[in-house]
Structure formats: C-alpha cells, structure tokens
Amino acid sequence: MLSGLMFPINSMPVFFQYLTRILPPRYYVSFVESEFMTGGVNSIRLENGIYLTILGLLFFAAVYKNTSMRLEKHSPQPLRESIEARERRVN
C-alpha cells in the first residue's frame, strides 16, 4: 500500500512519504508504471535500477554470509569427515 500503486505517494502524510523512500516496491512500481505509460524514461530507469540493484546486492550479501555461517555451525561432524575422506580419495 505504500508503493504508490494504490494511493499516490504525494497525497500521503509526510512521515509515510519518507518511509516509502526505503521500501523497494516504490521503485519497482515507478519503474513498471514508466514502462507501460511512457515507453520508458531513461532517468526513471536509471534511478530505480540503481536503487534496486544496491538493495539486491545488500540482501544477497546478508543471505550469503548467514547461510555459510549456519552451514558450518550446524553441519554434523560425521558429514564433515565423510566429505573430507571423499576429497582425499579424489585427490
């Protein structure tokens, strides 16, 4: 509802206008609207694309870091030993 799709962002209270600046749907909806309405405006594409790319990279980095830590932390010892033994046989 804060993406600007249902309600225009300009008509929202100031607090919500600032809040929408950190939410990804605002930029996605703006990007899609510009593509369908005007056939694409390069300045809108660039602004929204940069924001969504940065946000995607931040989420990817956070997930990558947490996933590798969880796998190492919760991996059972016999599994690690069997992987190491398999690697020794291959080499």
PDB file of N, CA and C in Angstrom:
ATOM      1  N   MET A   1       0.812  -1.185   0.000  1.00  0.00           N
ATOM      2  CA  MET A   1       0.000   0.000   0.000  1.00  0.00           C
ATOM      3  C   MET A   1       0.863   1.259   0.000  1.00  0.00           C
ATOM      4  N   LEU A   2       2.111   1.137   0.440  1.00  0.00           N
ATOM      5  CA  LEU A   2       2.997   2.297   0.459  1.00  0.00           C
ATOM      6  C   LEU A   2       3.847   2.387  -0.807  1.00  0.00           C
ATOM      7  N   SER A   3       3.549   1.576  -1.796  1.00  0.00           N
ATOM      8  CA  SER A   3       4.350   1.577  -3.015  1.00  0.00           C
ATOM      9  C   SER A   3       3.966   2.687  -3.972  1.00  0.00           C
ATOM     10  N   GLY A   4       2.798   3.270  -3.783  1.00  0.00           N
ATOM     11  CA  GLY A   4       2.327   4.291  -4.706  1.00  0.00           C
ATOM     12  C   GLY A   4       1.411   3.729  -5.772  1.00  0.00           C
ATOM     13  N   LEU A   5       1.155   2.454  -5.748  1.00  0.00           N
ATOM     14  CA  LEU A   5       0.287   1.834  -6.737  1.00  0.00           C
ATOM     15  C   LEU A   5      -1.188   2.111  -6.438  1.00  0.00           C
ATOM     16  N   MET A   6      -1.572   1.950  -5.189  1.00  0.00           N
ATOM     17  CA  MET A   6      -2.974   2.152  -4.821  1.00  0.00           C
ATOM     18  C   MET A   6      -3.266   3.609  -4.454  1.00  0.00           C
ATOM     19  N   PHE A   7      -2.338   4.219  -3.707  1.00  0.00           N
ATOM     20  CA  PHE A   7      -2.512   5.600  -3.283  1.00  0.00           C
ATOM     21  C   PHE A   7      -1.293   6.396  -3.732  1.00  0.00           C
ATOM     22  N   PRO A   8      -1.483   7.575  -4.327  1.00  0.00           N
ATOM     23  CA  PRO A   8      -0.334   8.386  -4.744  1.00  0.00           C
ATOM     24  C   PRO A   8       0.527   8.771  -3.546  1.00  0.00           C
ATOM     25  N   ILE A   9       1.818   8.674  -3.711  1.00  0.00           N
ATOM     26  CA  ILE A   9       2.744   8.987  -2.622  1.00  0.00           C
ATOM     27  C   ILE A   9       2.638  10.452  -2.223  1.00  0.00           C
ATOM     28  N   ASN A  10       2.383  11.329  -3.183  1.00  0.00           N
ATOM     29  CA  ASN A  10       2.281  12.764  -2.889  1.00  0.00           C
ATOM     30  C   ASN A  10       1.113  13.093  -1.969  1.00  0.00           C
ATOM     31  N   SER A  11       0.089  12.256  -1.942  1.00  0.00           N
ATOM     32  CA  SER A  11      -1.075  12.538  -1.097  1.00  0.00           C
ATOM     33  C   SER A  11      -0.972  11.877   0.283  1.00  0.00           C
ATOM     34  N   MET A  12       0.106  11.172   0.536  1.00  0.00           N
ATOM     35  CA  MET A  12       0.307  10.535   1.839  1.00  0.00           C
ATOM     36  C   MET A  12       0.843  11.553   2.838  1.00  0.00           C
ATOM     37  N   PRO A  13       0.667  11.294   4.137  1.00  0.00           N
ATOM     38  CA  PRO A  13       1.305  12.149   5.144  1.00  0.00           C
ATOM     39  C   PRO A  13       2.824  12.132   4.966  1.00  0.00           C
ATOM     40  N   VAL A  14       3.474  13.187   5.405  1.00  0.00           N
ATOM     41  CA  VAL A  14       4.922  13.356   5.187  1.00  0.00           C
ATOM     42  C   VAL A  14       5.716  12.184   5.750  1.00  0.00           C
ATOM     43  N   PHE A  15       5.322  11.672   6.921  1.00  0.00           N
ATOM     44  CA  PHE A  15       6.036  10.540   7.513  1.00  0.00           C
ATOM     45  C   PHE A  15       6.054   9.350   6.564  1.00  0.00           C
ATOM     46  N   PHE A  16       4.914   9.037   5.982  1.00  0.00           N
ATOM     47  CA  PHE A  16       4.825   7.898   5.073  1.00  0.00           C
ATOM     48  C   PHE A  16       5.553   8.164   3.754  1.00  0.00           C
ATOM     49  N   GLN A  17       5.601   9.417   3.316  1.00  0.00           N
ATOM     50  CA  GLN A  17       6.362   9.738   2.111  1.00  0.00           C
ATOM     51  C   GLN A  17       7.836   9.425   2.318  1.00  0.00           C
ATOM     52  N   TYR A  18       8.367   9.762   3.497  1.00  0.00           N
ATOM     53  CA  TYR A  18       9.765   9.446   3.793  1.00  0.00           C
ATOM     54  C   TYR A  18       9.968   7.940   3.981  1.00  0.00           C
ATOM     55  N   LEU A  19       8.993   7.290   4.586  1.00  0.00           N
ATOM     56  CA  LEU A  19       9.090   5.843   4.789  1.00  0.00           C
ATOM     57  C   LEU A  19       9.128   5.095   3.455  1.00  0.00           C
ATOM     58  N   THR A  20       8.387   5.562   2.471  1.00  0.00           N
ATOM     59  CA  THR A  20       8.365   4.868   1.184  1.00  0.00           C
ATOM     60  C   THR A  20       9.710   4.941   0.473  1.00  0.00           C
ATOM     61  N   ARG A  21      10.552   5.871   0.831  1.00  0.00           N
ATOM     62  CA  ARG A  21      11.857   6.005   0.162  1.00  0.00           C
ATOM     63  C   ARG A  21      12.786   4.834   0.438  1.00  0.00           C
ATOM     64  N   ILE A  22      12.543   4.094   1.514  1.00  0.00           N
ATOM     65  CA  ILE A  22      13.413   2.949   1.818  1.00  0.00           C
ATOM     66  C   ILE A  22      12.779   1.621   1.438  1.00  0.00           C
ATOM     67  N   LEU A  23      11.559   1.648   0.922  1.00  0.00           N
ATOM     68  CA  LEU A  23      10.868   0.409   0.553  1.00  0.00           C
ATOM     69  C   LEU A  23      11.042   0.110  -0.941  1.00  0.00           C
ATOM     70  N   PRO A  24      11.482  -1.085  -1.303  1.00  0.00           N
ATOM     71  CA  PRO A  24      11.703  -1.439  -2.708  1.00  0.00           C
ATOM     72  C   PRO A  24      10.468  -1.363  -3.604  1.00  0.00           C
ATOM     73  N   PRO A  25       9.252  -1.672  -3.110  1.00  0.00           N
ATOM     74  CA  PRO A  25       8.102  -1.634  -4.025  1.00  0.00           C
ATOM     75  C   PRO A  25       7.858  -0.260  -4.651  1.00  0.00           C
ATOM     76  N   ARG A  26       8.231   0.802  -3.958  1.00  0.00           N
ATOM     77  CA  ARG A  26       8.054   2.141  -4.526  1.00  0.00           C
ATOM     78  C   ARG A  26       8.815   2.254  -5.843  1.00  0.00           C
ATOM     79  N   TYR A  27      10.043   1.789  -5.856  1.00  0.00           N
ATOM     80  CA  TYR A  27      10.893   1.922  -7.036  1.00  0.00           C
ATOM     81  C   TYR A  27      10.473   0.949  -8.135  1.00  0.00           C
ATOM     82  N   TYR A  28      10.039  -0.228  -7.743  1.00  0.00           N
ATOM     83  CA  TYR A  28       9.569  -1.194  -8.730  1.00  0.00           C
ATOM     84  C   TYR A  28       8.304  -0.692  -9.417  1.00  0.00           C
ATOM     85  N   VAL A  29       7.358  -0.192  -8.639  1.00  0.00           N
ATOM     86  CA  VAL A  29       6.104   0.310  -9.202  1.00  0.00           C
ATOM     87  C   VAL A  29       6.371   1.510 -10.102  1.00  0.00           C
ATOM     88  N   SER A  30       7.256   2.389  -9.683  1.00  0.00           N
ATOM     89  CA  SER A  30       7.605   3.545 -10.506  1.00  0.00           C
ATOM     90  C   SER A  30       8.217   3.094 -11.831  1.00  0.00           C
ATOM     91  N   PHE A  31       9.083   2.109 -11.774  1.00  0.00           N
ATOM     92  CA  PHE A  31       9.724   1.579 -12.970  1.00  0.00           C
ATOM     93  C   PHE A  31       8.691   0.973 -13.924  1.00  0.00           C
ATOM     94  N   VAL A  32       7.799   0.145 -13.386  1.00  0.00           N
ATOM     95  CA  VAL A  32       6.794  -0.519 -14.213  1.00  0.00           C
ATOM     96  C   VAL A  32       5.814   0.498 -14.797  1.00  0.00           C
ATOM     97  N   GLU A  33       5.393   1.456 -13.988  1.00  0.00           N
ATOM     98  CA  GLU A  33       4.477   2.482 -14.496  1.00  0.00           C
ATOM     99  C   GLU A  33       5.104   3.272 -15.636  1.00  0.00           C
ATOM    100  N   SER A  34       6.374   3.631 -15.490  1.00  0.00           N
ATOM    101  CA  SER A  34       7.023   4.399 -16.559  1.00  0.00           C
ATOM    102  C   SER A  34       7.156   3.571 -17.835  1.00  0.00           C
ATOM    103  N   GLU A  35       7.368   2.271 -17.699  1.00  0.00           N
ATOM    104  CA  GLU A  35       7.481   1.414 -18.882  1.00  0.00           C
ATOM    105  C   GLU A  35       6.153   1.305 -19.624  1.00  0.00           C
ATOM    106  N   PHE A  36       5.072   1.143 -18.891  1.00  0.00           N
ATOM    107  CA  PHE A  36       3.765   0.974 -19.532  1.00  0.00           C
ATOM    108  C   PHE A  36       3.158   2.286 -20.003  1.00  0.00           C
ATOM    109  N   MET A  37       3.368   3.356 -19.258  1.00  0.00           N
ATOM    110  CA  MET A  37       2.717   4.630 -19.591  1.00  0.00           C
ATOM    111  C   MET A  37       3.460   5.408 -20.674  1.00  0.00           C
ATOM    112  N   THR A  38       4.781   5.480 -20.573  1.00  0.00           N
ATOM    113  CA  THR A  38       5.535   6.328 -21.493  1.00  0.00           C
ATOM    114  C   THR A  38       6.485   5.556 -22.389  1.00  0.00           C
ATOM    115  N   GLY A  39       6.578   4.277 -22.210  1.00  0.00           N
ATOM    116  CA  GLY A  39       7.505   3.506 -23.023  1.00  0.00           C
ATOM    117  C   GLY A  39       8.917   3.532 -22.473  1.00  0.00           C
ATOM    118  N   GLY A  40       9.093   4.064 -21.303  1.00  0.00           N
ATOM    119  CA  GLY A  40      10.392   4.062 -20.644  1.00  0.00           C
ATOM    120  C   GLY A  40      11.071   5.411 -20.687  1.00  0.00           C
ATOM    121  N   VAL A  41      11.400   5.926 -19.535  1.00  0.00           N
ATOM    122  CA  VAL A  41      12.149   7.170 -19.398  1.00  0.00           C
ATOM    123  C   VAL A  41      13.483   6.796 -18.780  1.00  0.00           C
ATOM    124  N   ASN A  42      14.562   7.126 -19.457  1.00  0.00           N
ATOM    125  CA  ASN A  42      15.882   6.672 -19.018  1.00  0.00           C
ATOM    126  C   ASN A  42      16.239   7.140 -17.620  1.00  0.00           C
ATOM    127  N   SER A  43      15.863   8.371 -17.236  1.00  0.00           N
ATOM    128  CA  SER A  43      16.212   8.842 -15.895  1.00  0.00           C
ATOM    129  C   SER A  43      15.485   8.031 -14.827  1.00  0.00           C
ATOM    130  N   ILE A  44      14.233   7.661 -15.089  1.00  0.00           N
ATOM    131  CA  ILE A  44      13.484   6.851 -14.131  1.00  0.00           C
ATOM    132  C   ILE A  44      14.053   5.435 -14.089  1.00  0.00           C
ATOM    133  N   ARG A  45      14.393   4.888 -15.239  1.00  0.00           N
ATOM    134  CA  ARG A  45      15.005   3.557 -15.285  1.00  0.00           C
ATOM    135  C   ARG A  45      16.300   3.525 -14.485  1.00  0.00           C
ATOM    136  N   LEU A  46      17.137   4.539 -14.696  1.00  0.00           N
ATOM    137  CA  LEU A  46      18.445   4.573 -14.042  1.00  0.00           C
ATOM    138  C   LEU A  46      18.303   4.692 -12.527  1.00  0.00           C
ATOM    139  N   GLU A  47      17.490   5.637 -12.070  1.00  0.00           N
ATOM    140  CA  GLU A  47      17.316   5.836 -10.632  1.00  0.00           C
ATOM    141  C   GLU A  47      16.771   4.586  -9.960  1.00  0.00           C
ATOM    142  N   ASN A  48      15.714   4.026 -10.515  1.00  0.00           N
ATOM    143  CA  ASN A  48      15.098   2.842  -9.915  1.00  0.00           C
ATOM    144  C   ASN A  48      15.992   1.624 -10.037  1.00  0.00           C
ATOM    145  N   GLY A  49      16.656   1.485 -11.173  1.00  0.00           N
ATOM    146  CA  GLY A  49      17.550   0.347 -11.369  1.00  0.00           C
ATOM    147  C   GLY A  49      18.718   0.352 -10.403  1.00  0.00           C
ATOM    148  N   ILE A  50      19.299   1.527 -10.178  1.00  0.00           N
ATOM    149  CA  ILE A  50      20.427   1.627  -9.246  1.00  0.00           C
ATOM    150  C   ILE A  50      19.977   1.268  -7.831  1.00  0.00           C
ATOM    151  N   TYR A  51      18.847   1.823  -7.408  1.00  0.00           N
ATOM    152  CA  TYR A  51      18.363   1.533  -6.054  1.00  0.00           C
ATOM    153  C   TYR A  51      18.076   0.050  -5.884  1.00  0.00           C
ATOM    154  N   LEU A  52      17.370  -0.544  -6.826  1.00  0.00           N
ATOM    155  CA  LEU A  52      17.014  -1.955  -6.700  1.00  0.00           C
ATOM    156  C   LEU A  52      18.243  -2.857  -6.776  1.00  0.00           C
ATOM    157  N   THR A  53      19.235  -2.472  -7.582  1.00  0.00           N
ATOM    158  CA  THR A  53      20.470  -3.251  -7.659  1.00  0.00           C
ATOM    159  C   THR A  53      21.235  -3.206  -6.349  1.00  0.00           C
ATOM    160  N   ILE A  54      21.367  -2.028  -5.771  1.00  0.00           N
ATOM    161  CA  ILE A  54      22.075  -1.892  -4.492  1.00  0.00           C
ATOM    162  C   ILE A  54      21.356  -2.685  -3.406  1.00  0.00           C
ATOM    163  N   LEU A  55      20.046  -2.569  -3.347  1.00  0.00           N
ATOM    164  CA  LEU A  55      19.281  -3.299  -2.344  1.00  0.00           C
ATOM    165  C   LEU A  55      19.419  -4.810  -2.553  1.00  0.00           C
ATOM    166  N   GLY A  56      19.364  -5.244  -3.803  1.00  0.00           N
ATOM    167  CA  GLY A  56      19.525  -6.667  -4.093  1.00  0.00           C
ATOM    168  C   GLY A  56      20.891  -7.189  -3.685  1.00  0.00           C
ATOM    169  N   LEU A  57      21.940  -6.397  -3.930  1.00  0.00           N
ATOM    170  CA  LEU A  57      23.286  -6.805  -3.535  1.00  0.00           C
ATOM    171  C   LEU A  57      23.430  -6.870  -2.017  1.00  0.00           C
ATOM    172  N   LEU A  58      22.821  -5.916  -1.320  1.00  0.00           N
ATOM    173  CA  LEU A  58      22.872  -5.943   0.145  1.00  0.00           C
ATOM    174  C   LEU A  58      22.165  -7.177   0.700  1.00  0.00           C
ATOM    175  N   PHE A  59      20.985  -7.485   0.165  1.00  0.00           N
ATOM    176  CA  PHE A  59      20.273  -8.684   0.610  1.00  0.00           C
ATOM    177  C   PHE A  59      21.044  -9.946   0.262  1.00  0.00           C
ATOM    178  N   PHE A  60      21.627  -9.994  -0.927  1.00  0.00           N
ATOM    179  CA  PHE A  60      22.410 -11.159  -1.323  1.00  0.00           C
ATOM    180  C   PHE A  60      23.594 -11.365  -0.385  1.00  0.00           C
ATOM    181  N   ALA A  61      24.295 -10.279  -0.065  1.00  0.00           N
ATOM    182  CA  ALA A  61      25.451 -10.376   0.828  1.00  0.00           C
ATOM    183  C   ALA A  61      25.037 -10.854   2.217  1.00  0.00           C
ATOM    184  N   ALA A  62      23.921 -10.345   2.715  1.00  0.00           N
ATOM    185  CA  ALA A  62      23.455 -10.759   4.037  1.00  0.00           C
ATOM    186  C   ALA A  62      23.063 -12.236   4.047  1.00  0.00           C
ATOM    187  N   VAL A  63      22.364 -12.675   3.035  1.00  0.00           N
ATOM    188  CA  VAL A  63      21.950 -14.078   2.962  1.00  0.00           C
ATOM    189  C   VAL A  63      23.162 -14.987   2.780  1.00  0.00           C
ATOM    190  N   TYR A  64      24.094 -14.584   1.930  1.00  0.00           N
ATOM    191  CA  TYR A  64      25.294 -15.393   1.691  1.00  0.00           C
ATOM    192  C   TYR A  64      26.101 -15.564   2.973  1.00  0.00           C
ATOM    193  N   LYS A  65      26.272 -14.477   3.711  1.00  0.00           N
ATOM    194  CA  LYS A  65      27.053 -14.545   4.946  1.00  0.00           C
ATOM    195  C   LYS A  65      26.359 -15.431   5.976  1.00  0.00           C
ATOM    196  N   ASN A  66      25.074 -15.249   6.163  1.00  0.00           N
ATOM    197  CA  ASN A  66      24.343 -16.038   7.164  1.00  0.00           C
ATOM    198  C   ASN A  66      24.240 -17.503   6.772  1.00  0.00           C
ATOM    199  N   THR A  67      24.090 -17.794   5.493  1.00  0.00           N
ATOM    200  CA  THR A  67      23.961 -19.179   5.056  1.00  0.00           C
ATOM    201  C   THR A  67      25.255 -19.942   5.279  1.00  0.00           C
ATOM    202  N   SER A  68      26.382 -19.373   4.906  1.00  0.00           N
ATOM    203  CA  SER A  68      27.644 -20.095   5.078  1.00  0.00           C
ATOM    204  C   SER A  68      27.947 -20.280   6.554  1.00  0.00           C
ATOM    205  N   MET A  69      27.626 -19.304   7.381  1.00  0.00           N
ATOM    206  CA  MET A  69      27.875 -19.456   8.814  1.00  0.00           C
ATOM    207  C   MET A  69      26.992 -20.542   9.402  1.00  0.00           C
ATOM    208  N   ARG A  70      25.733 -20.593   8.989  1.00  0.00           N
ATOM    209  CA  ARG A  70      24.824 -21.598   9.520  1.00  0.00           C
ATOM    210  C   ARG A  70      25.220 -22.994   9.079  1.00  0.00           C
ATOM    211  N   LEU A  71      25.663 -23.143   7.830  1.00  0.00           N
ATOM    212  CA  LEU A  71      26.046 -24.463   7.350  1.00  0.00           C
ATOM    213  C   LEU A  71      27.261 -24.988   8.101  1.00  0.00           C
ATOM    214  N   GLU A  72      28.241 -24.124   8.360  1.00  0.00           N
ATOM    215  CA  GLU A  72      29.422 -24.558   9.089  1.00  0.00           C
ATOM    216  C   GLU A  72      29.097 -24.843  10.543  1.00  0.00           C
ATOM    217  N   LYS A  73      28.224 -24.044  11.127  1.00  0.00           N
ATOM    218  CA  LYS A  73      27.896 -24.189  12.540  1.00  0.00           C
ATOM    219  C   LYS A  73      27.069 -25.444  12.811  1.00  0.00           C
ATOM    220  N   HIS A  74      26.115 -25.737  11.945  1.00  0.00           N
ATOM    221  CA  HIS A  74      25.183 -26.822  12.197  1.00  0.00           C
ATOM    222  C   HIS A  74      25.518 -28.108  11.441  1.00  0.00           C
ATOM    223  N   SER A  75      26.606 -28.122  10.713  1.00  0.00           N
ATOM    224  CA  SER A  75      26.964 -29.334   9.985  1.00  0.00           C
ATOM    225  C   SER A  75      27.442 -30.398  10.968  1.00  0.00           C
ATOM    226  N   PRO A  76      26.867 -31.587  10.919  1.00  0.00           N
ATOM    227  CA  PRO A  76      27.304 -32.642  11.843  1.00  0.00           C
ATOM    228  C   PRO A  76      28.727 -33.094  11.523  1.00  0.00           C
ATOM    229  N   GLN A  77      29.446 -33.486  12.541  1.00  0.00           N
ATOM    230  CA  GLN A  77      30.850 -33.879  12.391  1.00  0.00           C
ATOM    231  C   GLN A  77      31.027 -35.065  11.440  1.00  0.00           C
ATOM    232  N   PRO A  78      30.204 -36.113  11.511  1.00  0.00           N
ATOM    233  CA  PRO A  78      30.394 -37.233  10.568  1.00  0.00           C
ATOM    234  C   PRO A  78      30.258 -36.802   9.110  1.00  0.00           C
ATOM    235  N   LEU A  79      29.386 -35.853   8.849  1.00  0.00           N
ATOM    236  CA  LEU A  79      29.233 -35.377   7.484  1.00  0.00           C
ATOM    237  C   LEU A  79      30.504 -34.689   7.013  1.00  0.00           C
ATOM    238  N   ARG A  80      31.079 -33.840   7.871  1.00  0.00           N
ATOM    239  CA  ARG A  80      32.336 -33.181   7.513  1.00  0.00           C
ATOM    240  C   ARG A  80      33.432 -34.207   7.250  1.00  0.00           C
ATOM    241  N   GLU A  81      33.506 -35.216   8.106  1.00  0.00           N
ATOM    242  CA  GLU A  81      34.541 -36.237   7.947  1.00  0.00           C
ATOM    243  C   GLU A  81      34.348 -37.008   6.649  1.00  0.00           C
ATOM    244  N   SER A  82      33.112 -37.319   6.290  1.00  0.00           N
ATOM    245  CA  SER A  82      32.882 -38.065   5.054  1.00  0.00           C
ATOM    246  C   SER A  82      33.220 -37.213   3.833  1.00  0.00           C
ATOM    247  N   ILE A  83      32.963 -35.926   3.909  1.00  0.00           N
ATOM    248  CA  ILE A  83      33.320 -35.032   2.792  1.00  0.00           C
ATOM    249  C   ILE A  83      34.832 -34.954   2.662  1.00  0.00           C
ATOM    250  N   GLU A  84      35.524 -34.826   3.808  1.00  0.00           N
ATOM    251  CA  GLU A  84      36.987 -34.772   3.773  1.00  0.00           C
ATOM    252  C   GLU A  84      37.566 -36.077   3.237  1.00  0.00           C
ATOM    253  N   ALA A  85      37.029 -37.217   3.631  1.00  0.00           N
ATOM    254  CA  ALA A  85      37.502 -38.501   3.152  1.00  0.00           C
ATOM    255  C   ALA A  85      37.280 -38.638   1.656  1.00  0.00           C
ATOM    256  N   ARG A  86      36.144 -38.183   1.166  1.00  0.00           N
ATOM    257  CA  ARG A  86      35.850 -38.241  -0.274  1.00  0.00           C
ATOM    258  C   ARG A  86      36.837 -37.355  -1.040  1.00  0.00           C
ATOM    259  N   GLU A  87      37.156 -36.193  -0.481  1.00  0.00           N
ATOM    260  CA  GLU A  87      38.109 -35.310  -1.155  1.00  0.00           C
ATOM    261  C   GLU A  87      39.494 -35.936  -1.201  1.00  0.00           C
ATOM    262  N   ARG A  88      39.876 -36.648  -0.138  1.00  0.00           N
ATOM    263  CA  ARG A  88      41.198 -37.313  -0.125  1.00  0.00           C
ATOM    264  C   ARG A  88      41.270 -38.422  -1.176  1.00  0.00           C
ATOM    265  N   ARG A  89      40.156 -39.161  -1.368  1.00  0.00           N
ATOM    266  CA  ARG A  89      40.132 -40.228  -2.366  1.00  0.00           C
ATOM    267  C   ARG A  89      40.243 -39.657  -3.777  1.00  0.00           C
ATOM    268  N   VAL A  90      39.580 -38.523  -4.020  1.00  0.00           N
ATOM    269  CA  VAL A  90      39.607 -37.926  -5.336  1.00  0.00           C
ATOM    270  C   VAL A  90      41.008 -37.408  -5.656  1.00  0.00           C
ATOM    271  N   ASN A  91      41.651 -36.832  -4.664  1.00  0.00           N
ATOM    272  CA  ASN A  91      42.996 -36.263  -4.896  1.00  0.00           C
ATOM    273  C   ASN A  91      43.983 -37.372  -4.875  1.00  0.00           C
TER     274      ASN A  91
END
